[in-house]
């Protein structure tokens, strides 16, 4: 943090420094402090969509789901061709541990758009779409897209393969996935 403070003294109008410091804080599980850094980056540069994405992630980790959803929606409004915020929003709307924030149909819509933007070649987007379909109660589609996500995994990624296969098994048993942290 001391290094970031020194850089900020020389470059106080550089949003990238605030974002980097925020990411470091987020890795250190200091989501509230990270949110402040991402907000500062947005004050310096209101068009810093990466700061919005990171702040949404921090809001989610801070259990402020409504604020995370709002930030993801704003990024989507600003950068409609970017699949990352659509994937993240689909995941949150499908897997949020708080029922009031889950929205299966909207999650399917956002997940489908993320997959379309990646030409159906991103295992992360397909994983989010699978969770969305499970939340919406369409378990056959959830299994189908989770199987496709498994097929697209890079060879040798055994840890993620186990995670994806466990999720597919949940969908086969007609159980949606919940983000449990």
Protein backbone atom coordinates (compact mmCIF):
# COMPACT_ATOMS: atom_id res chain seq x y z
CA UNK A 1 0.00 0.00 0.00
CA UNK A 2 2.90 2.34 0.66
CA UNK A 3 4.07 1.91 -2.93
CA UNK A 4 0.61 2.85 -4.23
CA UNK A 5 0.57 5.92 -1.99
CA UNK A 6 3.92 7.05 -3.44
CA UNK A 7 2.68 6.58 -7.01
CA UNK A 8 -0.55 8.45 -6.23
CA UNK A 9 1.41 11.43 -4.93
CA UNK A 10 3.04 11.67 -8.36
CA UNK A 11 -0.01 10.67 -10.41
CA UNK A 12 -3.16 11.62 -8.47
CA UNK A 13 -5.31 11.76 -11.61
CA UNK A 14 -4.48 8.24 -12.82
CA UNK A 15 -7.49 5.96 -12.32
CA UNK A 16 -5.34 2.88 -13.01
CA UNK A 17 -3.45 3.43 -9.75
CA UNK A 18 -6.68 3.54 -7.73
CA UNK A 19 -7.91 0.41 -9.52
CA UNK A 20 -4.66 -1.44 -8.84
CA UNK A 21 -4.78 -0.47 -5.18
CA UNK A 22 -8.44 -1.52 -5.04
CA UNK A 23 -7.62 -4.90 -6.57
CA UNK A 24 -4.88 -5.43 -3.99
CA UNK A 25 -7.34 -4.60 -1.21
CA UNK A 26 -9.93 -6.92 -2.72
CA UNK A 27 -7.38 -9.76 -2.75
CA UNK A 28 -6.72 -8.97 0.90
CA UNK A 29 -10.47 -9.37 1.58
CA UNK A 30 -10.90 -5.67 2.33
CA UNK A 31 -13.93 -5.13 0.12
CA UNK A 32 -15.07 -1.90 1.78
CA UNK A 33 -11.69 -0.24 1.25
CA UNK A 34 -11.56 -1.64 -2.29
CA UNK A 35 -14.96 -0.09 -3.05
CA UNK A 36 -13.61 3.30 -1.95
CA UNK A 37 -10.63 2.95 -4.31
CA UNK A 38 -12.79 1.97 -7.28
CA UNK A 39 -15.14 4.85 -6.51
CA UNK A 40 -12.17 7.23 -6.43
CA UNK A 41 -11.04 5.89 -9.83
CA UNK A 42 -14.52 6.69 -11.17
CA UNK A 43 -14.36 10.20 -9.70
CA UNK A 44 -11.05 10.75 -11.50
CA UNK A 45 -12.35 9.17 -14.73
CA UNK A 46 -16.13 8.65 -14.93
CA UNK A 47 -15.63 6.59 -18.10
CA UNK A 48 -13.41 3.98 -16.42
CA UNK A 49 -15.66 0.99 -17.05
CA UNK A 50 -13.07 -1.40 -15.60
CA UNK A 51 -13.42 0.43 -12.29
CA UNK A 52 -17.18 -0.17 -12.44
CA UNK A 53 -16.65 -3.88 -13.10
CA UNK A 54 -14.23 -4.13 -10.20
CA UNK A 55 -16.50 -2.16 -7.90
CA UNK A 56 -19.41 -4.45 -8.79
CA UNK A 57 -17.24 -7.43 -7.87
CA UNK A 58 -16.36 -5.72 -4.57
CA UNK A 59 -20.01 -4.89 -3.84
CA UNK A 60 -20.84 -8.56 -4.43
CA UNK A 61 -18.13 -9.68 -2.00
CA UNK A 62 -19.43 -7.12 0.51
CA UNK A 63 -22.92 -8.68 0.20
CA UNK A 64 -24.31 -5.49 -1.37
CA UNK A 65 -26.01 -7.37 -4.20
CA UNK A 66 -28.31 -4.56 -5.39
CA UNK A 67 -25.33 -2.24 -5.82
CA UNK A 68 -23.37 -4.95 -7.65
CA UNK A 69 -26.30 -5.50 -10.02
CA UNK A 70 -26.58 -1.76 -10.63
CA UNK A 71 -22.87 -1.42 -11.43
CA UNK A 72 -22.90 -4.42 -13.79
CA UNK A 73 -25.97 -3.00 -15.54
CA UNK A 74 -24.22 0.35 -15.95
CA UNK A 75 -21.15 -1.31 -17.47
CA UNK A 76 -23.39 -3.21 -19.88
CA UNK A 77 -25.08 0.05 -20.84
CA UNK A 78 -21.70 1.66 -21.52
CA UNK A 79 -19.94 -1.30 -23.14
CA UNK A 80 -22.61 -3.51 -24.66
CA UNK A 81 -20.09 -5.57 -26.65
CA UNK A 82 -18.10 -6.67 -23.58
CA UNK A 83 -19.14 -10.18 -22.47
CA UNK A 84 -17.46 -9.99 -19.03
CA UNK A 85 -20.06 -7.86 -17.22
CA UNK A 86 -22.91 -9.83 -18.81
CA UNK A 87 -21.33 -13.09 -17.63
CA UNK A 88 -20.79 -11.70 -14.14
CA UNK A 89 -24.33 -10.34 -13.94
CA UNK A 90 -25.80 -13.62 -15.19
CA UNK A 91 -23.81 -15.48 -12.54
CA UNK A 92 -24.94 -13.16 -9.75
CA UNK A 93 -28.60 -13.25 -10.82
CA UNK A 94 -28.48 -17.05 -11.02
CA UNK A 95 -26.42 -17.97 -7.97
CA UNK A 96 -26.91 -15.20 -5.41
CA UNK A 97 -27.39 -16.73 -1.95
CA UNK A 98 -30.16 -14.21 -1.25
CA UNK A 99 -33.34 -15.27 -3.03
CA UNK A 100 -34.61 -11.71 -3.51
CA UNK A 101 -31.76 -10.95 -5.91
CA UNK A 102 -32.05 -14.05 -8.07
CA UNK A 103 -33.75 -13.65 -11.44
CA UNK A 104 -33.55 -16.74 -13.64
CA UNK A 105 -35.06 -15.30 -16.84
CA UNK A 106 -32.86 -12.20 -16.74
CA UNK A 107 -29.83 -14.37 -15.92
CA UNK A 108 -30.56 -16.52 -18.99
CA UNK A 109 -30.87 -13.39 -21.13
CA UNK A 110 -27.55 -11.94 -19.92
CA UNK A 111 -25.80 -15.32 -20.06
CA UNK A 112 -27.01 -15.92 -23.60
CA UNK A 113 -25.74 -12.51 -24.70
CA UNK A 114 -22.35 -13.21 -23.10
CA UNK A 115 -22.16 -16.52 -24.96
CA UNK A 116 -23.17 -14.90 -28.24
CA UNK A 117 -20.51 -12.21 -27.79
CA UNK A 118 -17.87 -14.93 -27.31
CA UNK A 119 -19.25 -17.02 -30.21
CA UNK A 120 -20.14 -19.77 -27.71
CA UNK A 121 -16.43 -20.49 -27.12
CA UNK A 122 -16.00 -19.30 -23.52
CA UNK A 123 -16.31 -21.98 -20.87
CA UNK A 124 -16.83 -19.25 -18.23
CA UNK A 125 -19.79 -17.79 -20.10
CA UNK A 126 -21.28 -21.23 -20.70
CA UNK A 127 -20.86 -22.03 -17.00
CA UNK A 128 -22.79 -18.86 -16.11
CA UNK A 129 -25.48 -19.67 -18.69
CA UNK A 130 -25.83 -23.16 -17.22
CA UNK A 131 -26.34 -21.73 -13.75
CA UNK A 132 -28.89 -19.30 -15.19
CA UNK A 133 -30.89 -22.09 -16.81
CA UNK A 134 -30.82 -24.06 -13.56
CA UNK A 135 -32.13 -21.04 -11.66
CA UNK A 136 -34.86 -20.65 -14.28
CA UNK A 137 -35.82 -24.31 -13.77
CA UNK A 138 -34.67 -25.55 -17.21
CA UNK A 139 -32.34 -28.26 -15.99
CA UNK A 140 -32.04 -29.99 -19.37
CA UNK A 141 -30.54 -26.81 -20.83
CA UNK A 142 -28.37 -26.38 -17.73
CA UNK A 143 -26.90 -29.86 -18.21
CA UNK A 144 -26.45 -29.28 -21.96
CA UNK A 145 -24.53 -26.01 -21.55
CA UNK A 146 -22.51 -27.25 -18.57
CA UNK A 147 -21.42 -30.22 -20.68
CA UNK A 148 -20.34 -27.79 -23.38
CA UNK A 149 -18.42 -25.76 -20.79
CA UNK A 150 -16.64 -28.94 -19.69
CA UNK A 151 -15.71 -29.70 -23.31
CA UNK A 152 -14.18 -26.23 -23.73
CA UNK A 153 -11.99 -26.39 -20.62
CA UNK A 154 -8.27 -26.18 -21.31
CA UNK A 155 -6.65 -29.60 -21.07
CA UNK A 156 -5.10 -30.35 -17.72
CA UNK A 157 -7.23 -27.99 -15.62
CA UNK A 158 -8.33 -30.74 -13.26
CA UNK A 159 -9.47 -28.45 -10.44
CA UNK A 160 -11.91 -26.57 -12.64
CA UNK A 161 -12.98 -29.79 -14.33
CA UNK A 162 -14.03 -31.18 -10.94
CA UNK A 163 -15.98 -27.98 -10.17
CA UNK A 164 -17.78 -28.04 -13.53
CA UNK A 165 -18.60 -31.74 -13.25
CA UNK A 166 -19.97 -31.25 -9.73
CA UNK A 167 -22.21 -28.46 -11.00
CA UNK A 168 -23.42 -30.60 -13.88
CA UNK A 169 -24.29 -33.35 -11.39
CA UNK A 170 -26.30 -30.83 -9.37
CA UNK A 171 -28.24 -29.86 -12.49
CA UNK A 172 -28.81 -33.52 -13.35
CA UNK A 173 -30.40 -33.86 -9.90
CA UNK A 174 -32.48 -30.73 -10.63
CA UNK A 175 -30.69 -28.54 -8.08
CA UNK A 176 -29.54 -25.01 -8.91
CA UNK A 177 -26.12 -23.81 -7.83
CA UNK A 178 -25.80 -21.24 -5.04
CA UNK A 179 -22.75 -19.10 -4.47
CA UNK A 180 -21.80 -20.13 -0.96
CA UNK A 181 -18.51 -18.37 -0.35
